[in-house]
């Protein structure tokens, strides 16, 4: 489980990205790069980190399921994820 401070920091960054999204799009369309540099650093979407919804882990993240590989494997083994079965051949 990730530290709660990292999870809350990422949530704060997400709120900042959402707040400045329209303004960033407008400035980019106008090619006003000086205006873009005046925005907060956390307003850039590249500052966000994909984190597991369950544990907050950032490595081994599966976008389709929005969770880490470890959590995915545990939940899939218990049959908690619909449509996912263990393959056998």
N, C-alpha and C. Protein backbone atom coordinates (compact mmCIF):
# COMPACT_ATOMS: atom_id res chain seq x y z
N UNK A 1 0.85 -1.18 0.00
CA UNK A 1 0.00 0.00 0.00
C UNK A 1 0.89 1.24 0.00
N UNK A 2 0.58 2.16 -0.88
CA UNK A 2 1.35 3.39 -0.98
C UNK A 2 1.03 4.30 0.20
N UNK A 3 1.95 5.19 0.51
CA UNK A 3 1.71 6.15 1.57
C UNK A 3 0.53 7.03 1.17
N UNK A 4 -0.28 7.37 2.14
CA UNK A 4 -1.46 8.18 1.84
C UNK A 4 -1.08 9.57 1.35
N UNK A 5 0.11 10.06 1.74
CA UNK A 5 0.54 11.38 1.29
C UNK A 5 0.78 11.40 -0.22
N UNK A 6 1.30 10.29 -0.77
CA UNK A 6 1.51 10.22 -2.22
C UNK A 6 0.18 10.19 -2.96
N UNK A 7 -0.77 9.47 -2.40
CA UNK A 7 -2.08 9.35 -3.04
C UNK A 7 -2.80 10.69 -3.02
N UNK A 8 -2.75 11.40 -1.90
CA UNK A 8 -3.41 12.70 -1.80
C UNK A 8 -2.71 13.73 -2.68
N UNK A 9 -1.40 13.64 -2.80
CA UNK A 9 -0.65 14.55 -3.66
C UNK A 9 -1.07 14.38 -5.12
N UNK A 10 -1.22 13.13 -5.53
CA UNK A 10 -1.65 12.87 -6.90
C UNK A 10 -3.08 13.35 -7.12
N UNK A 11 -3.94 13.21 -6.13
CA UNK A 11 -5.32 13.71 -6.24
C UNK A 11 -5.33 15.23 -6.36
N UNK A 12 -4.46 15.90 -5.63
CA UNK A 12 -4.35 17.36 -5.71
C UNK A 12 -3.89 17.78 -7.10
N UNK A 13 -2.92 17.05 -7.65
CA UNK A 13 -2.45 17.34 -8.99
C UNK A 13 -3.57 17.14 -10.01
N UNK A 14 -4.39 16.11 -9.82
CA UNK A 14 -5.51 15.86 -10.73
C UNK A 14 -6.50 17.00 -10.71
N UNK A 15 -6.80 17.53 -9.53
CA UNK A 15 -7.70 18.68 -9.42
C UNK A 15 -7.12 19.90 -10.13
N UNK A 16 -5.82 20.11 -10.00
CA UNK A 16 -5.17 21.25 -10.66
C UNK A 16 -5.22 21.10 -12.17
N UNK A 17 -4.98 19.89 -12.67
CA UNK A 17 -5.04 19.64 -14.11
C UNK A 17 -6.44 19.93 -14.64
N UNK A 18 -7.46 19.46 -13.92
CA UNK A 18 -8.84 19.67 -14.34
C UNK A 18 -9.20 21.16 -14.32
N UNK A 19 -8.68 21.88 -13.33
CA UNK A 19 -8.99 23.30 -13.18
C UNK A 19 -8.45 24.12 -14.36
N UNK A 20 -7.25 23.80 -14.83
CA UNK A 20 -6.59 24.59 -15.87
C UNK A 20 -6.69 23.96 -17.26
N UNK A 21 -7.47 22.90 -17.44
CA UNK A 21 -7.51 22.20 -18.73
C UNK A 21 -7.99 23.09 -19.86
N UNK A 22 -9.07 23.82 -19.66
CA UNK A 22 -9.60 24.67 -20.73
C UNK A 22 -8.64 25.81 -21.05
N UNK A 23 -8.07 26.40 -20.01
CA UNK A 23 -7.13 27.51 -20.23
C UNK A 23 -5.89 27.03 -20.98
N UNK A 24 -5.38 25.84 -20.61
CA UNK A 24 -4.22 25.28 -21.29
C UNK A 24 -4.52 25.02 -22.76
N UNK A 25 -5.70 24.48 -23.04
CA UNK A 25 -6.07 24.19 -24.42
C UNK A 25 -6.16 25.49 -25.23
N UNK A 26 -6.72 26.53 -24.61
CA UNK A 26 -6.83 27.82 -25.30
C UNK A 26 -5.45 28.42 -25.58
N UNK A 27 -4.57 28.38 -24.59
CA UNK A 27 -3.24 28.93 -24.76
C UNK A 27 -2.44 28.15 -25.81
N UNK A 28 -2.62 26.84 -25.83
CA UNK A 28 -1.92 26.03 -26.83
C UNK A 28 -2.43 26.32 -28.23
N UNK A 29 -3.75 26.52 -28.35
CA UNK A 29 -4.31 26.84 -29.67
C UNK A 29 -3.79 28.17 -30.18
N UNK A 30 -3.60 29.13 -29.27
CA UNK A 30 -3.08 30.44 -29.64
C UNK A 30 -1.55 30.45 -29.75
N UNK A 31 -0.94 29.35 -29.39
CA UNK A 31 0.53 29.21 -29.36
C UNK A 31 1.18 30.26 -28.47
N UNK A 32 0.52 30.50 -27.33
CA UNK A 32 1.01 31.46 -26.34
C UNK A 32 1.83 30.70 -25.29
N UNK A 33 3.08 30.44 -25.61
CA UNK A 33 3.91 29.63 -24.73
C UNK A 33 4.36 30.40 -23.49
N UNK A 34 4.40 31.71 -23.58
CA UNK A 34 4.70 32.50 -22.38
C UNK A 34 3.56 32.38 -21.38
N UNK A 35 2.34 32.37 -21.88
CA UNK A 35 1.18 32.19 -21.01
C UNK A 35 1.17 30.81 -20.37
N UNK A 36 1.59 29.81 -21.13
CA UNK A 36 1.65 28.46 -20.58
C UNK A 36 2.67 28.35 -19.45
N UNK A 37 3.78 29.06 -19.59
CA UNK A 37 4.80 28.99 -18.54
C UNK A 37 4.35 29.70 -17.26
N UNK A 38 3.35 30.58 -17.38
CA UNK A 38 2.84 31.28 -16.20
C UNK A 38 1.89 30.41 -15.37
N UNK A 39 1.39 29.34 -15.97
CA UNK A 39 0.50 28.44 -15.25
C UNK A 39 1.29 27.65 -14.21
N UNK A 40 0.60 27.11 -13.19
CA UNK A 40 1.30 26.28 -12.21
C UNK A 40 1.92 25.04 -12.86
N UNK A 41 2.98 24.58 -12.29
CA UNK A 41 3.69 23.43 -12.84
C UNK A 41 2.80 22.18 -12.82
N UNK A 42 1.99 22.04 -11.78
CA UNK A 42 1.14 20.86 -11.66
C UNK A 42 -0.07 20.91 -12.58
N UNK A 43 -0.24 21.97 -13.36
CA UNK A 43 -1.36 22.05 -14.30
C UNK A 43 -1.13 21.19 -15.53
N UNK A 44 0.08 20.71 -15.71
CA UNK A 44 0.39 19.87 -16.86
C UNK A 44 -0.03 18.43 -16.59
N UNK A 45 -0.76 17.81 -17.53
CA UNK A 45 -1.20 16.43 -17.30
C UNK A 45 -0.06 15.41 -17.23
N UNK A 46 1.11 15.77 -17.73
CA UNK A 46 2.21 14.81 -17.67
C UNK A 46 2.75 14.67 -16.25
N UNK A 47 2.35 15.54 -15.35
CA UNK A 47 2.80 15.45 -13.96
C UNK A 47 2.01 14.40 -13.17
N UNK A 48 0.91 13.93 -13.74
CA UNK A 48 0.09 12.93 -13.06
C UNK A 48 0.75 11.56 -13.14
N UNK A 49 0.47 10.74 -12.15
CA UNK A 49 1.00 9.38 -12.10
C UNK A 49 -0.18 8.43 -12.07
N UNK A 50 -0.15 7.40 -12.92
CA UNK A 50 -1.20 6.39 -12.88
C UNK A 50 -1.00 5.56 -11.62
N UNK A 51 -2.04 5.50 -10.79
CA UNK A 51 -1.95 4.75 -9.54
C UNK A 51 -3.08 3.74 -9.44
N UNK A 52 -2.77 2.62 -8.79
CA UNK A 52 -3.76 1.57 -8.57
C UNK A 52 -4.91 2.13 -7.72
N UNK A 53 -6.14 1.82 -8.12
CA UNK A 53 -7.31 2.29 -7.39
C UNK A 53 -7.40 1.63 -6.01
N UNK A 54 -6.88 0.43 -5.89
CA UNK A 54 -7.01 -0.33 -4.64
C UNK A 54 -5.88 -0.03 -3.67
N UNK A 55 -4.63 -0.12 -4.16
CA UNK A 55 -3.49 -0.01 -3.26
C UNK A 55 -2.73 1.30 -3.38
N UNK A 56 -2.86 1.98 -4.51
CA UNK A 56 -2.10 3.20 -4.73
C UNK A 56 -0.73 2.98 -5.32
N UNK A 57 -0.42 1.74 -5.67
CA UNK A 57 0.87 1.42 -6.27
C UNK A 57 0.97 2.04 -7.65
N UNK A 58 2.16 2.56 -8.01
CA UNK A 58 2.30 3.22 -9.30
C UNK A 58 3.03 2.37 -10.33
N UNK A 59 3.75 1.37 -9.91
CA UNK A 59 4.47 0.53 -10.86
C UNK A 59 3.62 -0.68 -11.24
N UNK A 60 3.80 -1.15 -12.45
CA UNK A 60 3.04 -2.32 -12.92
C UNK A 60 1.57 -2.00 -13.06
N UNK A 61 1.24 -0.80 -13.54
CA UNK A 61 -0.14 -0.34 -13.64
C UNK A 61 -0.76 -0.83 -14.94
N UNK A 62 -1.96 -1.41 -14.87
CA UNK A 62 -2.70 -1.85 -16.05
C UNK A 62 -3.82 -0.85 -16.31
N UNK A 63 -3.71 -0.10 -17.40
CA UNK A 63 -4.68 0.97 -17.68
C UNK A 63 -6.09 0.45 -17.86
N UNK A 64 -6.23 -0.67 -18.52
CA UNK A 64 -7.56 -1.19 -18.81
C UNK A 64 -8.35 -1.47 -17.54
N UNK A 65 -7.67 -1.92 -16.50
CA UNK A 65 -8.35 -2.27 -15.25
C UNK A 65 -8.12 -1.25 -14.14
N UNK A 66 -7.25 -0.27 -14.38
CA UNK A 66 -6.94 0.80 -13.44
C UNK A 66 -6.44 0.27 -12.09
N UNK A 67 -5.59 -0.78 -12.18
CA UNK A 67 -5.00 -1.34 -10.96
C UNK A 67 -3.64 -1.94 -11.29
N UNK A 68 -2.88 -2.21 -10.23
CA UNK A 68 -1.55 -2.78 -10.43
C UNK A 68 -1.65 -4.25 -10.79
N UNK A 69 -0.57 -4.77 -11.32
CA UNK A 69 -0.54 -6.17 -11.76
C UNK A 69 -0.76 -7.13 -10.61
N UNK A 70 -0.27 -6.77 -9.43
CA UNK A 70 -0.39 -7.64 -8.26
C UNK A 70 -1.84 -7.71 -7.80
N UNK A 71 -2.48 -6.55 -7.69
CA UNK A 71 -3.88 -6.51 -7.28
C UNK A 71 -4.75 -7.19 -8.32
N UNK A 72 -4.44 -6.97 -9.59
CA UNK A 72 -5.20 -7.60 -10.66
C UNK A 72 -5.13 -9.12 -10.55
N UNK A 73 -3.95 -9.63 -10.31
CA UNK A 73 -3.78 -11.09 -10.23
C UNK A 73 -4.56 -11.67 -9.05
N UNK A 74 -4.50 -10.98 -7.91
CA UNK A 74 -5.22 -11.46 -6.73
C UNK A 74 -6.72 -11.47 -6.98
N UNK A 75 -7.25 -10.36 -7.50
CA UNK A 75 -8.69 -10.28 -7.72
C UNK A 75 -9.15 -11.23 -8.82
N UNK A 76 -8.34 -11.39 -9.88
CA UNK A 76 -8.70 -12.30 -10.97
C UNK A 76 -8.69 -13.75 -10.48
N UNK A 77 -7.77 -14.10 -9.61
CA UNK A 77 -7.70 -15.47 -9.08
C UNK A 77 -8.92 -15.79 -8.23
N UNK A 78 -9.45 -14.78 -7.55
CA UNK A 78 -10.63 -14.98 -6.71
C UNK A 78 -11.93 -14.81 -7.49
N UNK A 79 -11.82 -14.48 -8.79
CA UNK A 79 -13.01 -14.33 -9.62
C UNK A 79 -13.76 -13.04 -9.37
N UNK A 80 -13.07 -12.01 -8.90
CA UNK A 80 -13.72 -10.75 -8.55
C UNK A 80 -13.80 -9.78 -9.74
N UNK A 81 -13.11 -10.08 -10.84
CA UNK A 81 -13.13 -9.21 -12.01
C UNK A 81 -13.96 -9.90 -13.09
N UNK A 82 -15.09 -9.31 -13.49
CA UNK A 82 -15.95 -9.96 -14.49
C UNK A 82 -15.25 -10.10 -15.85
N UNK A 83 -15.42 -11.25 -16.47
CA UNK A 83 -14.87 -11.47 -17.80
C UNK A 83 -13.42 -11.90 -17.83
N UNK A 84 -12.78 -12.02 -16.69
CA UNK A 84 -11.37 -12.41 -16.65
C UNK A 84 -11.28 -13.82 -16.08
N UNK A 85 -10.67 -14.71 -16.85
CA UNK A 85 -10.46 -16.07 -16.38
C UNK A 85 -9.00 -16.44 -16.59
N UNK A 86 -8.55 -17.36 -15.80
CA UNK A 86 -7.17 -17.83 -15.93
C UNK A 86 -7.11 -18.73 -17.16
N UNK A 87 -6.15 -18.42 -18.01
CA UNK A 87 -6.05 -19.20 -19.25
C UNK A 87 -5.40 -20.54 -18.98
N UNK A 88 -5.82 -21.53 -19.76
CA UNK A 88 -5.19 -22.85 -19.70
C UNK A 88 -5.23 -23.45 -21.10
N UNK A 89 -4.16 -24.11 -21.47
CA UNK A 89 -4.11 -24.71 -22.81
C UNK A 89 -3.36 -26.01 -22.80
